[in-house]
Amino acid sequence: MTVTTPSRNSRSTAGRPPTALELIRRADAAPEPSPSEASPPQQPSPGFSPEQVAALAAPLDRANVRQREQGRGKVNYLEGWQLIAEANRIFGFDGWQRQTITVRCVAQAERTIGRDQKPGWGVTYTARVRVTVTAGGLPALVREGTGAGHGIDTDLGQAHESAIKEAETDAMKRALMTFGNPFGLALYDKQQREVTGASSAPTSAGRPAARPATAPQPTGRPQPAQGTTPSTGAQHRAASPATQAPAAPEPAQAPLPADTIQQLHSTLRSLPRPLLDSLTQGFRRRFQVPDSAVTIADRITLQCHHDWIEAFLVSHREVRSADQHREVRSAEQHREVRSADHSADRTP
């Protein structure tokens, strides 16, 4: 048996939908839900993506390192454009920004320039630059660096311009360096244990850095995949090179087997003298073999040496094939001309 409670107007509510007033009264009488029931728990905002963490913890590629003379020795460094390109690749084009906080001229004096002792100017500036990086939904990361720049020119304005640009670039480098090895942190280690590549052939200033065969994909800030729980920014920032898997050795630096080395020696001994001399000169230039080394035979030890020799021989065979084709074609044309001349001579 169903019993209905009469409303205030003494009419039964059975068999009809509730009125708006009754709905309001029910809502007022119902207990309020607890905060845990009112809304689902919020997931922590992600910081750097796993791809970004891996890129920041990766070793520095020696192909990007330059050298310059300083005092009685040489100094390794990264060019300013290289650091900007790395920041765009790792953080994203819209994921970071650079701001010059202060620029100050600290020195300006007349001086002589060059061997000709021309009258000119020497100018020095200091600058402070702030780099701001957006890492997922976390508060922006702010790093600052201070640098100096020197300008020497016969024109005072040009000297100021050079000094300002150098100071800003130097300060930006010191700010970005705090983000890891790709921004030059590895160069502060005298042993350079986090720098990959052949240590005997650093790229000199003014030469373009070596590029991979395929352009690297931007690490960006990808959205977490559905069904997975994103990691927290603190967990990402806690990652360090020590927690990363050791980098695999480069295939080009793998040692050659003894039988392969003997086969290469046999191939080189069978080459004509002019071709062998050309290969030897090219090998010395490519792998910086000193002039004091009498032969290159003992220098052929790595996979990169084998690949270079193979490429040299293939290109030479293609050139010889093209030359032979031209010689054959020229001979055929010569025979055709002679045949036409004989035919013309026999015509009455």
C-alpha atoms as a PDB file:
ATOM      1  CA  MET A   1       0.000   0.000   0.000  1.00  0.00           C
ATOM      2  CA  THR A   2       1.333   3.421  -0.950  1.00  0.00           C
ATOM      3  CA  VAL A   3       0.774   6.376   1.370  1.00  0.00           C
ATOM      4  CA  THR A   4       1.147   9.933   0.053  1.00  0.00           C
ATOM      5  CA  THR A   5       1.814  12.939   2.226  1.00  0.00           C
ATOM      6  CA  PRO A   6      -0.644  15.768   1.615  1.00  0.00           C
ATOM      7  CA  SER A   7       0.814  19.108   0.625  1.00  0.00           C
ATOM      8  CA  ARG A   8      -0.061  22.403   2.232  1.00  0.00           C
ATOM      9  CA  ASN A   9      -2.949  22.989  -0.156  1.00  0.00           C
ATOM     10  CA  SER A  10      -4.369  19.600   0.995  1.00  0.00           C
ATOM     11  CA  ARG A  11      -4.125  18.142  -2.529  1.00  0.00           C
ATOM     12  CA  SER A  12      -2.345  14.846  -3.218  1.00  0.00           C
ATOM     13  CA  THR A  13       0.804  14.902  -5.310  1.00  0.00           C
ATOM     14  CA  ALA A  14       0.405  11.325  -6.486  1.00  0.00           C
ATOM     15  CA  GLY A  15      -0.052  10.913 -10.203  1.00  0.00           C
ATOM     16  CA  ARG A  16       1.320  14.374 -11.212  1.00  0.00           C
ATOM     17  CA  PRO A  17       4.804  15.843 -11.661  1.00  0.00           C
ATOM     18  CA  PRO A  18       6.139  18.006  -8.794  1.00  0.00           C
ATOM     19  CA  THR A  19       5.733  21.741  -9.073  1.00  0.00           C
ATOM     20  CA  ALA A  20       8.641  24.185  -9.210  1.00  0.00           C
ATOM     21  CA  LEU A  21       7.987  25.224  -5.619  1.00  0.00           C
ATOM     22  CA  GLU A  22       8.177  21.600  -4.446  1.00  0.00           C
ATOM     23  CA  LEU A  23      11.470  21.095  -6.287  1.00  0.00           C
ATOM     24  CA  ILE A  24      12.953  24.178  -4.582  1.00  0.00           C
ATOM     25  CA  ARG A  25      11.816  22.945  -1.169  1.00  0.00           C
ATOM     26  CA  ARG A  26      13.353  19.504  -1.784  1.00  0.00           C
ATOM     27  CA  ALA A  27      16.663  21.072  -2.821  1.00  0.00           C
ATOM     28  CA  ASP A  28      16.730  23.226   0.323  1.00  0.00           C
ATOM     29  CA  ALA A  29      16.002  20.238   2.530  1.00  0.00           C
ATOM     30  CA  ALA A  30      18.625  17.933   0.899  1.00  0.00           C
ATOM     31  CA  PRO A  31      22.063  17.821   2.604  1.00  0.00           C
ATOM     32  CA  GLU A  32      24.899  19.601   0.781  1.00  0.00           C
ATOM     33  CA  PRO A  33      27.456  17.256  -0.833  1.00  0.00           C
ATOM     34  CA  SER A  34      30.963  17.163   0.604  1.00  0.00           C
ATOM     35  CA  PRO A  35      33.772  18.836  -1.383  1.00  0.00           C
ATOM     36  CA  SER A  36      35.077  15.403  -2.412  1.00  0.00           C
ATOM     37  CA  GLU A  37      31.662  14.500  -3.863  1.00  0.00           C
ATOM     38  CA  ALA A  38      31.050  17.888  -5.483  1.00  0.00           C
ATOM     39  CA  SER A  39      33.905  17.670  -8.005  1.00  0.00           C
ATOM     40  CA  PRO A  40      36.400  14.991  -9.059  1.00  0.00           C
ATOM     41  CA  PRO A  41      39.972  15.320  -7.784  1.00  0.00           C
ATOM     42  CA  GLN A  42      42.158  17.548  -9.955  1.00  0.00           C
ATOM     43  CA  GLN A  43      45.149  15.930 -11.627  1.00  0.00           C
ATOM     44  CA  PRO A  44      48.455  17.745 -11.126  1.00  0.00           C
ATOM     45  CA  SER A  45      49.490  19.880 -14.096  1.00  0.00           C
ATOM     46  CA  PRO A  46      52.328  18.373 -16.141  1.00  0.00           C
ATOM     47  CA  GLY A  47      55.675  20.163 -16.401  1.00  0.00           C
ATOM     48  CA  PHE A  48      58.280  19.259 -19.010  1.00  0.00           C
ATOM     49  CA  SER A  49      57.201  16.395 -21.248  1.00  0.00           C
ATOM     50  CA  PRO A  50      59.247  13.156 -21.220  1.00  0.00           C
ATOM     51  CA  GLU A  51      60.661  14.133 -24.626  1.00  0.00           C
ATOM     52  CA  GLN A  52      61.804  17.494 -23.269  1.00  0.00           C
ATOM     53  CA  VAL A  53      63.398  15.895 -20.202  1.00  0.00           C
ATOM     54  CA  ALA A  54      65.285  13.448 -22.434  1.00  0.00           C
ATOM     55  CA  ALA A  55      66.488  16.283 -24.681  1.00  0.00           C
ATOM     56  CA  LEU A  56      67.678  18.371 -21.722  1.00  0.00           C
ATOM     57  CA  ALA A  57      69.508  15.413 -20.164  1.00  0.00           C
ATOM     58  CA  ALA A  58      71.115  14.285 -23.446  1.00  0.00           C
ATOM     59  CA  PRO A  59      74.863  14.798 -23.968  1.00  0.00           C
ATOM     60  CA  LEU A  60      76.114  17.746 -26.009  1.00  0.00           C
ATOM     61  CA  ASP A  61      76.944  16.988 -29.647  1.00  0.00           C
ATOM     62  CA  ARG A  62      80.546  17.978 -30.329  1.00  0.00           C
ATOM     63  CA  ALA A  63      79.575  18.930 -33.874  1.00  0.00           C
ATOM     64  CA  ASN A  64      77.964  22.052 -32.371  1.00  0.00           C
ATOM     65  CA  VAL A  65      81.077  23.069 -30.411  1.00  0.00           C
ATOM     66  CA  ARG A  66      83.360  25.825 -31.696  1.00  0.00           C
ATOM     67  CA  GLN A  67      86.864  26.855 -30.650  1.00  0.00           C
ATOM     68  CA  ARG A  68      88.590  30.217 -30.450  1.00  0.00           C
ATOM     69  CA  GLU A  69      91.978  31.435 -29.363  1.00  0.00           C
ATOM     70  CA  GLN A  70      92.039  33.028 -25.910  1.00  0.00           C
ATOM     71  CA  GLY A  71      95.279  33.895 -24.215  1.00  0.00           C
ATOM     72  CA  ARG A  72      97.719  31.048 -24.656  1.00  0.00           C
ATOM     73  CA  GLY A  73      95.105  28.380 -25.232  1.00  0.00           C
ATOM     74  CA  LYS A  74      91.816  27.546 -26.923  1.00  0.00           C
ATOM     75  CA  VAL A  75      88.316  27.852 -25.498  1.00  0.00           C
ATOM     76  CA  ASN A  76      85.339  25.710 -26.449  1.00  0.00           C
ATOM     77  CA  TYR A  77      82.012  27.498 -26.812  1.00  0.00           C
ATOM     78  CA  LEU A  78      78.578  27.424 -28.489  1.00  0.00           C
ATOM     79  CA  GLU A  79      77.420  30.107 -30.886  1.00  0.00           C
ATOM     80  CA  GLY A  80      74.439  32.240 -29.951  1.00  0.00           C
ATOM     81  CA  TRP A  81      72.275  31.153 -32.892  1.00  0.00           C
ATOM     82  CA  GLN A  82      72.880  27.501 -31.954  1.00  0.00           C
ATOM     83  CA  LEU A  83      71.475  28.036 -28.462  1.00  0.00           C
ATOM     84  CA  ILE A  84      68.419  29.840 -29.829  1.00  0.00           C
ATOM     85  CA  ALA A  85      67.803  26.965 -32.245  1.00  0.00           C
ATOM     86  CA  GLU A  86      68.079  24.452 -29.393  1.00  0.00           C
ATOM     87  CA  ALA A  87      65.645  26.457 -27.242  1.00  0.00           C
ATOM     88  CA  ASN A  88      63.140  26.535 -30.113  1.00  0.00           C
ATOM     89  CA  ARG A  89      63.557  22.794 -30.633  1.00  0.00           C
ATOM     90  CA  ILE A  90      63.233  21.736 -26.994  1.00  0.00           C
ATOM     91  CA  PHE A  91      60.888  24.337 -25.471  1.00  0.00           C
ATOM     92  CA  GLY A  92      58.919  25.223 -28.605  1.00  0.00           C
ATOM     93  CA  PHE A  93      58.791  28.480 -30.521  1.00  0.00           C
ATOM     94  CA  ASP A  94      56.137  29.797 -28.118  1.00  0.00           C
ATOM     95  CA  GLY A  95      57.527  28.144 -24.984  1.00  0.00           C
ATOM     96  CA  TRP A  96      60.303  30.555 -24.035  1.00  0.00           C
ATOM     97  CA  GLN A  97      61.259  34.216 -24.221  1.00  0.00           C
ATOM     98  CA  ARG A  98      64.331  36.367 -23.677  1.00  0.00           C
ATOM     99  CA  GLN A  99      64.337  39.777 -22.019  1.00  0.00           C
ATOM    100  CA  THR A 100      67.287  42.134 -21.629  1.00  0.00           C
ATOM    101  CA  ILE A 101      67.077  43.562 -18.104  1.00  0.00           C
ATOM    102  CA  THR A 102      70.055  45.928 -18.077  1.00  0.00           C
ATOM    103  CA  VAL A 103      72.784  47.060 -20.465  1.00  0.00           C
ATOM    104  CA  ARG A 104      75.609  49.302 -19.299  1.00  0.00           C
ATOM    105  CA  CYS A 105      78.732  50.709 -20.936  1.00  0.00           C
ATOM    106  CA  VAL A 106      81.602  50.205 -18.494  1.00  0.00           C
ATOM    107  CA  ALA A 107      84.578  51.237 -20.623  1.00  0.00           C
ATOM    108  CA  GLN A 108      85.366  53.360 -23.675  1.00  0.00           C
ATOM    109  CA  ALA A 109      88.826  54.420 -24.760  1.00  0.00           C
ATOM    110  CA  GLU A 110      90.874  55.201 -27.834  1.00  0.00           C
ATOM    111  CA  ARG A 111      93.314  52.519 -28.953  1.00  0.00           C
ATOM    112  CA  THR A 112      95.281  51.310 -31.955  1.00  0.00           C
ATOM    113  CA  ILE A 113      93.917  48.438 -34.054  1.00  0.00           C
ATOM    114  CA  GLY A 114      95.638  45.744 -36.061  1.00  0.00           C
ATOM    115  CA  ARG A 115      99.145  45.432 -37.418  1.00  0.00           C
ATOM    116  CA  ASP A 116      98.811  48.756 -39.168  1.00  0.00           C
ATOM    117  CA  GLN A 117      98.196  50.396 -35.777  1.00  0.00           C
ATOM    118  CA  LYS A 118      95.200  52.315 -37.051  1.00  0.00           C
ATOM    119  CA  PRO A 119      93.540  54.690 -34.575  1.00  0.00           C
ATOM    120  CA  GLY A 120      90.283  53.280 -33.245  1.00  0.00           C
ATOM    121  CA  TRP A 121      88.108  52.594 -30.227  1.00  0.00           C
ATOM    122  CA  GLY A 122      87.705  49.899 -27.610  1.00  0.00           C
ATOM    123  CA  VAL A 123      84.303  49.611 -25.900  1.00  0.00           C
ATOM    124  CA  THR A 124      83.055  47.195 -23.210  1.00  0.00           C
ATOM    125  CA  TYR A 125      79.439  46.579 -22.141  1.00  0.00           C
ATOM    126  CA  THR A 126      77.834  44.397 -19.487  1.00  0.00           C
ATOM    127  CA  ALA A 127      74.303  43.028 -19.780  1.00  0.00           C
ATOM    128  CA  ARG A 128      71.824  41.043 -17.735  1.00  0.00           C
ATOM    129  CA  VAL A 129      69.334  38.847 -19.582  1.00  0.00           C
ATOM    130  CA  ARG A 130      66.316  36.981 -18.241  1.00  0.00           C
ATOM    131  CA  VAL A 131      65.081  33.767 -19.885  1.00  0.00           C
ATOM    132  CA  THR A 132      61.535  32.609 -19.095  1.00  0.00           C
ATOM    133  CA  VAL A 133      60.400  29.082 -19.999  1.00  0.00           C
ATOM    134  CA  THR A 134      56.837  27.777 -19.846  1.00  0.00           C
ATOM    135  CA  ALA A 135      56.732  24.142 -18.725  1.00  0.00           C
ATOM    136  CA  GLY A 136      53.243  22.724 -19.133  1.00  0.00           C
ATOM    137  CA  GLY A 137      50.776  24.066 -16.567  1.00  0.00           C
ATOM    138  CA  LEU A 138      53.378  24.916 -13.946  1.00  0.00           C
ATOM    139  CA  PRO A 139      54.515  28.455 -13.121  1.00  0.00           C
ATOM    140  CA  ALA A 140      57.055  29.835 -15.579  1.00  0.00           C
ATOM    141  CA  LEU A 141      60.716  29.012 -14.937  1.00  0.00           C
ATOM    142  CA  VAL A 142      62.903  32.134 -14.778  1.00  0.00           C
ATOM    143  CA  ARG A 143      66.686  32.047 -15.175  1.00  0.00           C
ATOM    144  CA  GLU A 144      69.016  35.042 -15.445  1.00  0.00           C
ATOM    145  CA  GLY A 145      72.581  35.469 -16.605  1.00  0.00           C
ATOM    146  CA  THR A 146      75.162  38.243 -16.759  1.00  0.00           C
ATOM    147  CA  GLY A 147      77.639  38.655 -19.613  1.00  0.00           C
ATOM    148  CA  ALA A 148      80.149  41.065 -21.094  1.00  0.00           C
ATOM    149  CA  GLY A 149      80.938  42.161 -24.628  1.00  0.00           C
ATOM    150  CA  HIS A 150      83.871  43.952 -26.214  1.00  0.00           C
ATOM    151  CA  GLY A 151      83.819  45.996 -29.389  1.00  0.00           C
ATOM    152  CA  ILE A 152      86.930  47.130 -31.280  1.00  0.00           C
ATOM    153  CA  ASP A 153      86.555  49.226 -34.401  1.00  0.00           C
ATOM    154  CA  THR A 154      87.833  52.341 -36.122  1.00  0.00           C
ATOM    155  CA  ASP A 155      84.263  53.662 -35.970  1.00  0.00           C
ATOM    156  CA  LEU A 156      82.998  54.400 -32.448  1.00  0.00           C
ATOM    157  CA  GLY A 157      79.389  53.540 -33.291  1.00  0.00           C
ATOM    158  CA  GLN A 158      80.364  50.160 -34.740  1.00  0.00           C
ATOM    159  CA  ALA A 159      82.397  49.410 -31.621  1.00  0.00           C
ATOM    160  CA  HIS A 160      79.378  50.150 -29.397  1.00  0.00           C
ATOM    161  CA  GLU A 161      77.104  47.980 -31.549  1.00  0.00           C
ATOM    162  CA  SER A 162      79.469  44.999 -31.439  1.00  0.00           C
ATOM    163  CA  ALA A 163      79.944  45.275 -27.681  1.00  0.00           C
ATOM    164  CA  ILE A 164      76.199  45.466 -26.936  1.00  0.00           C
ATOM    165  CA  LYS A 165      75.355  42.462 -29.094  1.00  0.00           C
ATOM    166  CA  GLU A 166      78.141  40.374 -27.624  1.00  0.00           C
ATOM    167  CA  ALA A 167      77.144  41.259 -24.055  1.00  0.00           C
ATOM    168  CA  GLU A 168      73.500  40.317 -24.620  1.00  0.00           C
ATOM    169  CA  THR A 169      74.430  37.033 -26.307  1.00  0.00           C
ATOM    170  CA  ASP A 170      76.902  36.157 -23.557  1.00  0.00           C
ATOM    171  CA  ALA A 171      74.301  36.821 -20.858  1.00  0.00           C
ATOM    172  CA  MET A 172      71.695  34.712 -22.703  1.00  0.00           C
ATOM    173  CA  LYS A 173      74.181  31.822 -22.908  1.00  0.00           C
ATOM    174  CA  ARG A 174      74.766  31.916 -19.154  1.00  0.00           C
ATOM    175  CA  ALA A 175      71.024  31.917 -18.481  1.00  0.00           C
ATOM    176  CA  LEU A 176      70.241  29.039 -20.860  1.00  0.00           C
ATOM    177  CA  MET A 177      73.254  27.056 -19.657  1.00  0.00           C
ATOM    178  CA  THR A 178      71.412  26.277 -16.418  1.00  0.00           C
ATOM    179  CA  PHE A 179      68.916  24.115 -18.353  1.00  0.00           C
ATOM    180  CA  GLY A 180      71.447  21.423 -19.227  1.00  0.00           C
ATOM    181  CA  ASN A 181      74.054  19.992 -21.561  1.00  0.00           C
ATOM    182  CA  PRO A 182      72.504  21.045 -24.914  1.00  0.00           C
ATOM    183  CA  PHE A 183      72.988  24.668 -23.830  1.00  0.00           C
ATOM    184  CA  GLY A 184      76.678  24.318 -22.952  1.00  0.00           C
ATOM    185  CA  LEU A 185      76.614  23.041 -19.373  1.00  0.00           C
ATOM    186  CA  ALA A 186      78.746  20.053 -20.446  1.00  0.00           C
ATOM    187  CA  LEU A 187      81.574  22.394 -21.493  1.00  0.00           C
ATOM    188  CA  TYR A 188      82.109  23.511 -17.886  1.00  0.00           C
ATOM    189  CA  ASP A 189      83.345  19.999 -17.096  1.00  0.00           C
ATOM    190  CA  LYS A 190      87.079  19.977 -17.905  1.00  0.00           C
ATOM    191  CA  GLN A 191      86.911  16.289 -18.796  1.00  0.00           C
ATOM    192  CA  GLN A 192      83.817  16.889 -20.978  1.00  0.00           C
ATOM    193  CA  ARG A 193      82.272  13.562 -20.037  1.00  0.00           C
ATOM    194  CA  GLU A 194      78.857  14.675 -21.347  1.00  0.00           C
ATOM    195  CA  VAL A 195      80.134  15.681 -24.817  1.00  0.00           C
ATOM    196  CA  THR A 196      79.743  13.088 -27.567  1.00  0.00           C
ATOM    197  CA  GLY A 197      81.679  12.763 -30.820  1.00  0.00           C
ATOM    198  CA  ALA A 198      85.317  12.578 -31.837  1.00  0.00           C
ATOM    199  CA  SER A 199      87.411  14.782 -29.551  1.00  0.00           C
ATOM    200  CA  SER A 200      90.217  15.162 -32.111  1.00  0.00           C
ATOM    201  CA  ALA A 201      88.188  17.074 -34.668  1.00  0.00           C
ATOM    202  CA  PRO A 202      86.134  19.902 -33.086  1.00  0.00           C
ATOM    203  CA  THR A 203      84.340  22.169 -35.503  1.00  0.00           C
ATOM    204  CA  SER A 204      86.200  25.428 -36.020  1.00  0.00           C
ATOM    205  CA  ALA A 205      84.532  28.837 -35.931  1.00  0.00           C
ATOM    206  CA  GLY A 206      82.899  29.991 -39.111  1.00  0.00           C
ATOM    207  CA  ARG A 207      82.083  26.492 -40.417  1.00  0.00           C
ATOM    208  CA  PRO A 208      78.491  25.232 -40.408  1.00  0.00           C
ATOM    209  CA  ALA A 209      77.665  22.575 -37.867  1.00  0.00           C
ATOM    210  CA  ALA A 210      77.102  19.059 -39.125  1.00  0.00           C
ATOM    211  CA  ARG A 211      73.447  18.225 -39.664  1.00  0.00           C
ATOM    212  CA  PRO A 212      71.808  14.812 -39.337  1.00  0.00           C
ATOM    213  CA  ALA A 213      70.403  13.145 -42.431  1.00  0.00           C
ATOM    214  CA  THR A 214      66.888  13.737 -41.180  1.00  0.00           C
ATOM    215  CA  ALA A 215      65.786  16.807 -39.274  1.00  0.00           C
ATOM    216  CA  PRO A 216      64.993  16.099 -35.597  1.00  0.00           C
ATOM    217  CA  GLN A 217      61.373  16.216 -34.623  1.00  0.00           C
ATOM    218  CA  PRO A 218      60.431  19.092 -32.272  1.00  0.00           C
ATOM    219  CA  THR A 219      60.161  17.939 -28.689  1.00  0.00           C
ATOM    220  CA  GLY A 220      57.507  20.635 -27.995  1.00  0.00           C
ATOM    221  CA  ARG A 221      54.935  20.186 -25.274  1.00  0.00           C
ATOM    222  CA  PRO A 222      52.719  17.280 -26.459  1.00  0.00           C
ATOM    223  CA  GLN A 223      49.416  16.604 -24.719  1.00  0.00           C
ATOM    224  CA  PRO A 224      49.411  13.520 -22.464  1.00  0.00           C
ATOM    225  CA  ALA A 225      47.861  10.472 -24.114  1.00  0.00           C
ATOM    226  CA  GLN A 226      44.322   9.509 -23.153  1.00  0.00           C
ATOM    227  CA  GLY A 227      44.095   6.941 -20.418  1.00  0.00           C
ATOM    228  CA  THR A 228      47.453   7.842 -18.884  1.00  0.00           C
ATOM    229  CA  THR A 229      48.212   9.943 -15.855  1.00  0.00           C
ATOM    230  CA  PRO A 230      50.678  12.747 -16.595  1.00  0.00           C
ATOM    231  CA  SER A 231      53.709  13.035 -14.341  1.00  0.00           C
ATOM    232  CA  THR A 232      54.145  16.020 -12.128  1.00  0.00           C
ATOM    233  CA  GLY A 233      56.542  18.824 -12.985  1.00  0.00           C
ATOM    234  CA  ALA A 234      58.566  18.078  -9.838  1.00  0.00           C
ATOM    235  CA  GLN A 235      59.101  14.490 -11.010  1.00  0.00           C
ATOM    236  CA  HIS A 236      60.245  15.697 -14.430  1.00  0.00           C
ATOM    237  CA  ARG A 237      62.640  18.257 -12.993  1.00  0.00           C
ATOM    238  CA  ALA A 238      64.067  15.610 -10.656  1.00  0.00           C
ATOM    239  CA  ALA A 239      65.355  13.646 -13.661  1.00  0.00           C
ATOM    240  CA  SER A 240      69.094  13.914 -14.171  1.00  0.00           C
ATOM    241  CA  PRO A 241      71.673  12.499 -16.593  1.00  0.00           C
ATOM    242  CA  ALA A 242      72.529   9.885 -13.971  1.00  0.00           C
ATOM    243  CA  THR A 243      68.968   8.451 -14.184  1.00  0.00           C
ATOM    244  CA  GLN A 244      68.936   8.300 -17.964  1.00  0.00           C
ATOM    245  CA  ALA A 245      69.977   5.202 -19.848  1.00  0.00           C
ATOM    246  CA  PRO A 246      73.584   5.394 -21.102  1.00  0.00           C
ATOM    247  CA  ALA A 247      73.853   6.626 -24.666  1.00  0.00           C
ATOM    248  CA  ALA A 248      74.595   3.959 -27.260  1.00  0.00           C
ATOM    249  CA  PRO A 249      78.014   4.221 -28.925  1.00  0.00           C
ATOM    250  CA  GLU A 250      77.978   5.931 -32.297  1.00  0.00           C
ATOM    251  CA  PRO A 251      78.160   3.459 -35.212  1.00  0.00           C
ATOM    252  CA  ALA A 252      80.730   5.629 -37.003  1.00  0.00           C
ATOM    253  CA  GLN A 253      83.127   5.242 -34.050  1.00  0.00           C
ATOM    254  CA  ALA A 254      82.874   1.441 -33.929  1.00  0.00           C
ATOM    255  CA  PRO A 255      86.263  -0.302 -34.409  1.00  0.00           C
ATOM    256  CA  LEU A 256      86.789  -2.249 -37.623  1.00  0.00           C
ATOM    257  CA  PRO A 257      87.443  -6.021 -37.555  1.00  0.00           C
ATOM    258  CA  ALA A 258      90.971  -7.103 -38.441  1.00  0.00           C
ATOM    259  CA  ASP A 259      89.886  -8.869 -41.643  1.00  0.00           C
ATOM    260  CA  THR A 260      88.088  -5.739 -42.863  1.00  0.00           C
ATOM    261  CA  ILE A 261      91.208  -3.642 -42.270  1.00  0.00           C
ATOM    262  CA  GLN A 262      93.325  -6.149 -44.233  1.00  0.00           C
ATOM    263  CA  GLN A 263      90.824  -6.113 -47.083  1.00  0.00           C
ATOM    264  CA  LEU A 264      90.963  -2.299 -47.211  1.00  0.00           C
ATOM    265  CA  HIS A 265      94.767  -2.397 -47.278  1.00  0.00           C
ATOM    266  CA  SER A 266      94.662  -4.836 -50.211  1.00  0.00           C
ATOM    267  CA  THR A 267      92.212  -2.624 -52.078  1.00  0.00           C
ATOM    268  CA  LEU A 268      94.370   0.459 -51.589  1.00  0.00           C
ATOM    269  CA  ARG A 269      97.543  -1.338 -52.727  1.00  0.00           C
ATOM    270  CA  SER A 270      95.823  -2.306 -55.994  1.00  0.00           C
ATOM    271  CA  LEU A 271      94.880   1.287 -56.876  1.00  0.00           C
ATOM    272  CA  PRO A 272      96.744   3.223 -59.567  1.00  0.00           C
ATOM    273  CA  ARG A 273      99.329   5.578 -58.151  1.00  0.00           C
ATOM    274  CA  PRO A 274      97.497   8.850 -59.048  1.00  0.00           C
ATOM    275  CA  LEU A 275      94.256   7.587 -57.511  1.00  0.00           C
ATOM    276  CA  LEU A 276      96.047   6.353 -54.366  1.00  0.00           C
ATOM    277  CA  ASP A 277      97.737   9.740 -53.922  1.00  0.00           C
ATOM    278  CA  SER A 278      94.391  11.532 -54.296  1.00  0.00           C
ATOM    279  CA  LEU A 279      92.738   9.216 -51.742  1.00  0.00           C
ATOM    280  CA  THR A 280      95.609   9.650 -49.281  1.00  0.00           C
ATOM    281  CA  GLN A 281      95.467  13.449 -49.480  1.00  0.00           C
ATOM    282  CA  GLY A 282      91.688  13.462 -49.013  1.00  0.00           C
ATOM    283  CA  PHE A 283      91.900  11.072 -46.042  1.00  0.00           C
ATOM    284  CA  ARG A 284      94.532  13.240 -44.345  1.00  0.00           C
ATOM    285  CA  ARG A 285      92.369  16.360 -44.737  1.00  0.00           C
ATOM    286  CA  ARG A 286      89.152  14.648 -43.620  1.00  0.00           C
ATOM    287  CA  PHE A 287      90.555  12.992 -40.487  1.00  0.00           C
ATOM    288  CA  GLN A 288      93.297  15.546 -39.708  1.00  0.00           C
ATOM    289  CA  VAL A 289      96.229  13.152 -40.033  1.00  0.00           C
ATOM    290  CA  PRO A 290      99.397  15.113 -39.188  1.00  0.00           C
ATOM    291  CA  ASP A 291     102.054  15.607 -41.832  1.00  0.00           C
ATOM    292  CA  SER A 292     104.554  13.799 -39.612  1.00  0.00           C
ATOM    293  CA  ALA A 293     102.651  10.518 -40.182  1.00  0.00           C
ATOM    294  CA  VAL A 294     104.410   8.646 -42.979  1.00  0.00           C
ATOM    295  CA  THR A 295     101.385   6.521 -43.934  1.00  0.00           C
ATOM    296  CA  ILE A 296      97.652   6.394 -43.327  1.00  0.00           C
ATOM    297  CA  ALA A 297      97.518   2.592 -43.141  1.00  0.00           C
ATOM    298  CA  ASP A 298      97.674   2.551 -39.331  1.00  0.00           C
ATOM    299  CA  ARG A 299      94.962   5.259 -39.185  1.00  0.00           C
ATOM    300  CA  ILE A 300      92.284   3.098 -40.810  1.00  0.00           C
ATOM    301  CA  THR A 301      90.710   1.681 -37.647  1.00  0.00           C
ATOM    302  CA  LEU A 302      87.093   2.932 -37.389  1.00  0.00           C
ATOM    303  CA  GLN A 303      83.869   2.435 -39.298  1.00  0.00           C
ATOM    304  CA  CYS A 304      83.873   6.098 -40.388  1.00  0.00           C
ATOM    305  CA  HIS A 305      87.247   5.511 -42.109  1.00  0.00           C
ATOM    306  CA  HIS A 306      85.818   2.536 -43.994  1.00  0.00           C
ATOM    307  CA  ASP A 307      82.700   4.465 -45.050  1.00  0.00           C
ATOM    308  CA  TRP A 308      84.750   7.430 -46.291  1.00  0.00           C
ATOM    309  CA  ILE A 309      87.068   5.227 -48.386  1.00  0.00           C
ATOM    310  CA  GLU A 310      84.115   3.363 -49.886  1.00  0.00           C
ATOM    311  CA  ALA A 311      82.410   6.626 -50.808  1.00  0.00           C
ATOM    312  CA  PHE A 312      85.627   7.925 -52.372  1.00  0.00           C
ATOM    313  CA  LEU A 313      86.077   4.812 -54.506  1.00  0.00           C
ATOM    314  CA  VAL A 314      82.425   4.762 -55.578  1.00  0.00           C
ATOM    315  CA  SER A 315      82.542   8.394 -56.644  1.00  0.00           C
ATOM    316  CA  HIS A 316      85.787   7.751 -58.552  1.00  0.00           C
ATOM    317  CA  ARG A 317      84.256   4.765 -60.347  1.00  0.00           C
ATOM    318  CA  GLU A 318      81.281   6.940 -61.335  1.00  0.00           C
ATOM    319  CA  VAL A 319      83.630   9.586 -62.714  1.00  0.00           C
ATOM    320  CA  ARG A 320      85.651   7.003 -64.657  1.00  0.00           C
ATOM    321  CA  SER A 321      82.458   5.439 -65.989  1.00  0.00           C
ATOM    322  CA  ALA A 322      81.235   8.827 -67.188  1.00  0.00           C
ATOM    323  CA  ASP A 323      84.622   9.549 -68.817  1.00  0.00           C
ATOM    324  CA  GLN A 324      84.644   6.192 -70.569  1.00  0.00           C
ATOM    325  CA  HIS A 325      81.100   6.769 -71.794  1.00  0.00           C
ATOM    326  CA  ARG A 326      82.115  10.124 -73.250  1.00  0.00           C
ATOM    327  CA  GLU A 327      85.175   8.564 -74.903  1.00  0.00           C
ATOM    328  CA  VAL A 328      83.091   5.803 -76.485  1.00  0.00           C
ATOM    329  CA  ARG A 329      80.474   8.280 -77.666  1.00  0.00           C
ATOM    330  CA  SER A 330      83.170  10.524 -79.111  1.00  0.00           C
ATOM    331  CA  ALA A 331      84.709   7.593 -80.978  1.00  0.00           C
ATOM    332  CA  GLU A 332      81.323   6.596 -82.381  1.00  0.00           C
ATOM    333  CA  GLN A 333      80.681  10.134 -83.564  1.00  0.00           C
ATOM    334  CA  HIS A 334      84.132  10.240 -85.128  1.00  0.00           C
ATOM    335  CA  ARG A 335      83.441   6.982 -87.003  1.00  0.00           C
ATOM    336  CA  GLU A 336      80.075   8.325 -88.186  1.00  0.00           C
ATOM    337  CA  VAL A 337      81.733  11.459 -89.532  1.00  0.00           C
ATOM    338  CA  ARG A 338      84.418   9.440 -91.311  1.00  0.00           C
ATOM    339  CA  SER A 339      81.801   7.115 -92.790  1.00  0.00           C
ATOM    340  CA  ALA A 340      79.829  10.095 -94.057  1.00  0.00           C
ATOM    341  CA  ASP A 341      82.970  11.540 -95.615  1.00  0.00           C
ATOM    342  CA  HIS A 342      83.752   8.272 -97.404  1.00  0.00           C
ATOM    343  CA  SER A 343      80.192   8.087 -98.703  1.00  0.00           C
ATOM    344  CA  ALA A 344      80.467  11.616-100.037  1.00  0.00           C
ATOM    345  CA  ASP A 345      83.746  10.774-101.748  1.00  0.00           C
ATOM    346  CA  ARG A 346      82.220   7.761-103.547  1.00  0.00           C
ATOM    347  CA  THR A 347      79.258   9.784-104.826  1.00  0.00           C
ATOM    348  CA  PRO A 348      79.801  10.616-108.589  1.00  0.00           C
END
